[in-house]
N, C-alpha and C. Protein backbone atom coordinates (compact mmCIF):
# COMPACT_ATOMS: atom_id res chain seq x y z
N MET A 1 -41.57 -97.56 126.89
CA MET A 1 -40.54 -97.35 128.27
C MET A 1 -39.50 -95.89 127.84
N LYS A 2 -39.37 -95.23 128.47
CA LYS A 2 -38.23 -94.04 128.37
C LYS A 2 -36.89 -94.73 129.10
N MET A 3 -36.30 -94.08 127.58
CA MET A 3 -34.44 -94.68 127.88
C MET A 3 -33.96 -93.82 127.35
N ASN A 4 -32.86 -93.64 128.28
CA ASN A 4 -32.05 -92.72 127.78
C ASN A 4 -30.51 -92.90 127.29
N LEU A 5 -30.48 -94.08 127.68
CA LEU A 5 -28.96 -95.12 126.91
C LEU A 5 -29.46 -95.52 125.50
N ARG A 6 -28.25 -95.22 124.70
CA ARG A 6 -28.56 -95.58 123.42
C ARG A 6 -27.31 -96.50 122.79
N LYS A 7 -27.58 -96.88 121.65
CA LYS A 7 -26.64 -98.12 121.32
C LYS A 7 -25.21 -97.58 121.05
N GLY A 8 -23.96 -97.65 121.32
CA GLY A 8 -23.02 -97.00 121.59
C GLY A 8 -22.34 -96.07 122.58
N ASP A 9 -23.30 -96.36 124.00
CA ASP A 9 -22.89 -95.32 124.61
C ASP A 9 -21.87 -95.86 125.79
N LEU A 10 -21.04 -95.47 126.29
CA LEU A 10 -20.23 -95.95 127.20
C LEU A 10 -20.95 -95.86 128.85
N VAL A 11 -21.26 -97.24 129.41
CA VAL A 11 -21.72 -97.21 130.58
C VAL A 11 -20.97 -97.78 131.75
N GLU A 12 -21.19 -97.48 132.82
CA GLU A 12 -20.58 -98.40 134.28
C GLU A 12 -21.75 -99.15 134.74
N ILE A 13 -21.46 -100.36 135.08
CA ILE A 13 -22.10 -100.87 135.98
C ILE A 13 -22.45 -100.59 137.25
N ILE A 14 -23.66 -100.49 138.02
CA ILE A 14 -23.77 -99.95 139.13
C ILE A 14 -24.44 -101.19 140.26
N ALA A 15 -24.29 -101.86 139.79
CA ALA A 15 -25.32 -103.29 140.66
C ALA A 15 -24.96 -104.66 140.14
N GLY A 16 -24.90 -105.62 140.89
CA GLY A 16 -24.61 -107.20 140.23
C GLY A 16 -23.07 -107.10 140.60
N ASP A 17 -22.77 -108.37 139.73
CA ASP A 17 -21.38 -109.07 139.80
C ASP A 17 -20.31 -108.55 139.47
N ASP A 18 -20.88 -107.85 138.26
CA ASP A 18 -19.85 -106.72 137.23
C ASP A 18 -19.96 -105.42 137.68
N ARG A 19 -19.94 -105.08 138.98
CA ARG A 19 -20.30 -103.55 139.42
C ARG A 19 -19.07 -102.96 139.62
N GLY A 20 -18.95 -101.72 138.94
CA GLY A 20 -17.70 -101.02 138.76
C GLY A 20 -16.97 -100.96 137.18
N ARG A 21 -17.53 -102.08 136.61
CA ARG A 21 -16.57 -102.30 135.12
C ARG A 21 -17.56 -101.70 134.39
N GLN A 22 -16.74 -101.16 133.24
CA GLN A 22 -17.17 -100.26 132.29
C GLN A 22 -17.47 -100.81 130.88
N GLY A 23 -18.62 -100.90 129.86
CA GLY A 23 -18.63 -101.43 128.82
C GLY A 23 -19.27 -100.32 127.70
N LYS A 24 -19.37 -100.97 126.10
CA LYS A 24 -19.91 -100.20 125.57
C LYS A 24 -21.25 -101.00 125.46
N ILE A 25 -22.71 -100.47 124.91
CA ILE A 25 -24.03 -101.08 124.90
C ILE A 25 -23.83 -101.86 123.53
N LEU A 26 -24.08 -102.69 123.46
CA LEU A 26 -24.02 -103.36 121.98
C LEU A 26 -25.49 -103.26 121.47
N ALA A 27 -26.62 -103.89 121.90
CA ALA A 27 -28.28 -103.57 121.82
C ALA A 27 -28.85 -103.17 122.99
N VAL A 28 -30.00 -102.57 122.90
CA VAL A 28 -30.99 -101.97 123.48
C VAL A 28 -32.38 -102.51 122.92
N ASP A 29 -33.06 -103.12 124.13
CA ASP A 29 -34.39 -103.37 124.21
C ASP A 29 -35.17 -102.50 125.00
N ALA A 30 -35.96 -101.61 124.54
CA ALA A 30 -36.97 -100.48 124.51
C ALA A 30 -37.97 -100.82 125.57
N LYS A 31 -38.62 -101.69 124.72
CA LYS A 31 -39.97 -102.70 125.17
C LYS A 31 -39.48 -102.98 126.66
N LYS A 32 -38.71 -103.80 126.88
CA LYS A 32 -38.47 -104.42 128.02
C LYS A 32 -37.60 -103.96 129.11
N GLY A 33 -36.79 -102.84 128.88
CA GLY A 33 -36.14 -101.89 129.48
C GLY A 33 -35.00 -102.48 129.77
N ARG A 34 -34.16 -103.26 128.70
CA ARG A 34 -33.02 -103.83 129.47
C ARG A 34 -31.73 -103.74 127.82
N ILE A 35 -30.37 -103.93 128.39
CA ILE A 35 -29.47 -103.42 127.47
C ILE A 35 -28.68 -104.68 127.44
N MET A 36 -27.61 -104.62 126.42
CA MET A 36 -26.72 -105.49 126.16
C MET A 36 -25.20 -104.66 126.39
N VAL A 37 -24.23 -105.02 127.46
CA VAL A 37 -22.88 -104.43 127.25
C VAL A 37 -21.97 -105.51 127.08
N GLU A 38 -21.19 -104.88 125.89
CA GLU A 38 -19.86 -105.53 125.56
C GLU A 38 -18.92 -105.86 126.68
N GLY A 39 -18.84 -107.35 126.96
CA GLY A 39 -18.06 -108.03 128.20
C GLY A 39 -18.79 -107.87 129.41
N ILE A 40 -19.87 -107.49 129.66
CA ILE A 40 -20.51 -107.38 130.66
C ILE A 40 -21.75 -108.74 130.73
N SER A 41 -21.86 -109.61 131.88
CA SER A 41 -23.08 -110.66 131.97
C SER A 41 -22.56 -111.61 131.11
N MET A 42 -21.44 -111.95 131.15
CA MET A 42 -21.38 -113.05 130.01
C MET A 42 -22.03 -114.75 130.46
N VAL A 43 -22.76 -115.23 129.02
CA VAL A 43 -22.87 -116.47 129.48
C VAL A 43 -22.64 -117.36 128.52
N LYS A 44 -22.63 -118.60 128.82
CA LYS A 44 -22.19 -119.66 127.90
C LYS A 44 -23.32 -120.35 127.07
N ARG A 45 -23.06 -120.29 125.78
CA ARG A 45 -24.04 -120.77 124.62
C ARG A 45 -23.39 -122.12 123.86
N HIS A 46 -24.36 -123.21 123.90
CA HIS A 46 -24.04 -124.24 122.81
C HIS A 46 -24.22 -124.16 121.53
N GLU A 47 -23.57 -123.67 120.71
CA GLU A 47 -23.69 -123.46 119.17
C GLU A 47 -23.46 -124.30 118.19
N ARG A 48 -24.00 -124.83 117.08
CA ARG A 48 -23.96 -125.16 115.90
C ARG A 48 -22.66 -124.85 115.16
N PRO A 49 -22.27 -125.34 114.46
CA PRO A 49 -21.35 -124.47 113.47
C PRO A 49 -22.03 -124.21 112.35
N HIS A 50 -21.91 -122.75 111.51
CA HIS A 50 -22.66 -122.13 110.75
C HIS A 50 -21.61 -122.26 109.44
N GLY A 51 -21.78 -123.13 108.61
CA GLY A 51 -20.63 -122.93 107.97
C GLY A 51 -19.33 -122.98 108.19
N SER A 52 -18.37 -122.49 107.08
CA SER A 52 -16.74 -122.68 107.44
C SER A 52 -16.42 -121.16 108.31
N THR A 53 -17.07 -120.20 108.10
CA THR A 53 -16.75 -119.10 109.17
C THR A 53 -17.06 -119.02 110.74
N LYS A 54 -18.28 -119.73 110.93
CA LYS A 54 -18.89 -119.72 112.57
C LYS A 54 -18.59 -121.20 112.89
N PRO A 55 -17.35 -121.37 113.78
CA PRO A 55 -17.52 -122.91 114.54
C PRO A 55 -18.44 -123.01 115.43
N GLY A 56 -18.71 -124.25 115.70
CA GLY A 56 -19.55 -124.41 116.45
C GLY A 56 -18.44 -124.64 118.10
N GLY A 57 -19.46 -125.29 118.99
CA GLY A 57 -19.08 -124.72 120.21
C GLY A 57 -19.74 -124.39 121.23
N ILE A 58 -19.02 -124.27 122.69
CA ILE A 58 -19.27 -123.51 123.69
C ILE A 58 -18.68 -121.78 123.38
N ILE A 59 -19.67 -121.19 123.59
CA ILE A 59 -19.34 -119.72 123.04
C ILE A 59 -19.76 -118.94 124.13
N ASP A 60 -18.74 -117.85 124.46
CA ASP A 60 -19.22 -116.92 125.56
C ASP A 60 -19.87 -115.46 124.91
N LYS A 61 -21.19 -115.18 125.70
CA LYS A 61 -22.01 -114.45 124.57
C LYS A 61 -22.47 -113.29 125.78
N PRO A 62 -22.66 -112.00 125.69
CA PRO A 62 -23.14 -110.91 126.16
C PRO A 62 -24.72 -111.44 126.44
N ALA A 63 -25.08 -111.18 127.70
CA ALA A 63 -26.81 -111.28 127.92
C ALA A 63 -27.04 -109.77 128.41
N TYR A 64 -28.51 -110.00 128.21
CA TYR A 64 -29.08 -108.70 128.38
C TYR A 64 -29.13 -108.52 129.89
N ILE A 65 -28.73 -107.00 130.53
CA ILE A 65 -29.51 -106.65 131.74
C ILE A 65 -30.25 -105.92 131.87
N ASP A 66 -30.83 -105.17 133.21
CA ASP A 66 -32.09 -104.47 133.25
C ASP A 66 -31.07 -102.77 133.26
N ARG A 67 -31.87 -101.73 132.70
CA ARG A 67 -31.06 -100.39 132.55
C ARG A 67 -30.56 -99.73 133.70
N SER A 68 -31.38 -100.15 134.77
CA SER A 68 -31.20 -99.59 136.48
C SER A 68 -30.01 -100.05 136.84
N ASN A 69 -29.36 -101.04 136.34
CA ASN A 69 -27.96 -101.42 136.76
C ASN A 69 -26.85 -100.81 135.85
N ALA A 70 -26.63 -99.92 135.00
CA ALA A 70 -25.70 -99.24 134.50
C ALA A 70 -26.36 -97.75 134.37
N MET A 71 -25.31 -97.01 134.40
CA MET A 71 -25.14 -95.37 134.27
C MET A 71 -24.31 -95.08 132.68
N LEU A 72 -24.96 -93.90 132.68
CA LEU A 72 -24.08 -93.72 131.64
C LEU A 72 -23.20 -92.94 131.95
N VAL A 73 -21.77 -92.97 131.40
CA VAL A 73 -20.23 -92.25 131.77
C VAL A 73 -20.40 -91.15 130.46
N CYS A 74 -20.39 -89.75 130.91
CA CYS A 74 -19.92 -88.75 130.02
C CYS A 74 -18.78 -88.78 129.32
N PRO A 75 -18.62 -88.66 128.19
CA PRO A 75 -17.24 -88.26 127.42
C PRO A 75 -16.62 -87.44 127.97
N LYS A 76 -17.25 -86.56 128.18
CA LYS A 76 -16.27 -85.08 128.55
C LYS A 76 -15.85 -85.01 129.92
N CYS A 77 -16.77 -85.29 130.94
CA CYS A 77 -15.76 -85.36 132.43
C CYS A 77 -15.61 -86.75 132.79
N SER A 78 -16.09 -87.56 132.23
CA SER A 78 -15.52 -88.97 132.17
C SER A 78 -15.89 -89.43 133.84
N ARG A 79 -17.46 -88.95 134.19
CA ARG A 79 -17.95 -89.39 135.27
C ARG A 79 -19.21 -90.02 134.81
N ARG A 80 -19.66 -90.67 136.03
CA ARG A 80 -21.15 -91.56 135.67
C ARG A 80 -22.24 -90.51 135.77
N SER A 81 -23.12 -90.44 134.99
CA SER A 81 -23.98 -89.20 135.66
C SER A 81 -25.42 -89.35 134.63
N ARG A 82 -26.44 -88.48 135.12
CA ARG A 82 -27.60 -88.63 134.35
C ARG A 82 -27.62 -88.09 133.18
N ALA A 83 -28.79 -87.95 132.53
CA ALA A 83 -28.96 -87.69 130.94
C ALA A 83 -30.09 -87.09 130.98
N THR A 84 -30.37 -85.81 130.62
CA THR A 84 -31.22 -85.34 130.22
C THR A 84 -31.57 -84.58 128.80
N TRP A 85 -32.98 -84.32 128.25
CA TRP A 85 -32.93 -83.54 126.87
C TRP A 85 -33.04 -82.39 127.33
N GLU A 86 -32.87 -81.79 125.94
CA GLU A 86 -32.66 -80.10 125.96
C GLU A 86 -33.01 -79.89 124.27
N ARG A 87 -33.41 -78.61 124.01
CA ARG A 87 -33.85 -78.14 122.98
C ARG A 87 -32.40 -77.36 122.54
N ARG A 88 -31.78 -77.59 121.34
CA ARG A 88 -30.76 -76.62 120.87
C ARG A 88 -30.82 -76.34 119.72
N GLY A 89 -31.40 -75.07 119.54
CA GLY A 89 -31.99 -74.65 117.91
C GLY A 89 -33.37 -75.38 117.97
N ASP A 90 -32.92 -76.00 116.55
CA ASP A 90 -34.00 -77.11 116.06
C ASP A 90 -34.19 -78.26 116.40
N LYS A 91 -33.16 -78.77 116.91
CA LYS A 91 -33.15 -80.15 117.20
C LYS A 91 -32.81 -80.39 118.89
N ARG A 92 -33.27 -81.78 119.34
CA ARG A 92 -33.62 -82.28 120.51
C ARG A 92 -32.09 -83.16 120.84
N VAL A 93 -31.07 -82.69 122.05
CA VAL A 93 -30.07 -83.62 122.46
C VAL A 93 -29.85 -83.49 123.77
N ARG A 94 -29.14 -84.75 124.08
CA ARG A 94 -28.94 -85.15 125.32
C ARG A 94 -28.00 -84.71 125.82
N ILE A 95 -28.23 -84.03 127.27
CA ILE A 95 -27.55 -83.42 128.19
C ILE A 95 -26.95 -84.20 129.52
N CYS A 96 -25.51 -83.95 129.60
CA CYS A 96 -24.67 -84.46 130.90
C CYS A 96 -25.34 -83.54 132.01
N LYS A 97 -26.04 -84.22 133.10
CA LYS A 97 -26.25 -83.23 134.47
C LYS A 97 -25.23 -82.93 135.27
N SER A 98 -24.16 -83.84 135.01
CA SER A 98 -23.01 -83.12 135.83
C SER A 98 -21.99 -82.13 135.26
N CYS A 99 -22.16 -82.25 134.13
CA CYS A 99 -21.06 -81.42 133.64
C CYS A 99 -21.64 -80.08 132.65
N GLY A 100 -22.91 -80.41 132.28
CA GLY A 100 -23.70 -79.87 131.31
C GLY A 100 -23.36 -80.04 129.82
N GLY A 101 -22.35 -80.91 129.63
CA GLY A 101 -22.08 -81.22 128.13
C GLY A 101 -23.15 -81.90 127.05
N GLU A 102 -22.76 -81.67 126.01
CA GLU A 102 -23.70 -82.73 125.05
C GLU A 102 -23.41 -83.63 124.68
N LEU A 103 -24.19 -84.57 124.91
CA LEU A 103 -23.56 -86.11 124.65
C LEU A 103 -23.98 -86.38 123.24
N SER A 104 -23.22 -87.25 123.02
CA SER A 104 -23.61 -87.71 121.13
C SER A 104 -24.47 -88.68 121.38
N SER A 105 -25.75 -88.21 120.12
CA SER A 105 -26.98 -88.93 119.77
C SER A 105 -26.72 -90.12 119.22
């Protein structure tokens, strides 16, 4: 499945309960077309303690959401926009469709 979103990108949620909120991508599942965004779509999980470092109890964790519910936020123009791929020299880079600036890969 084709995916223009990468781990570490800043995205804005465009659908669902968290619409309008922004967060950084923590994980990407390209096969299922889903992303996990920091602080978005939080679910409660009951976990056992794992040693002295991880206590047990009810823990809030971010859940995966569909990639179609999030849009990339360009770091240069600070607007949500689509991304496209372009060849610059000998490497492929992602380009913001709004301002034409290069996105970090």
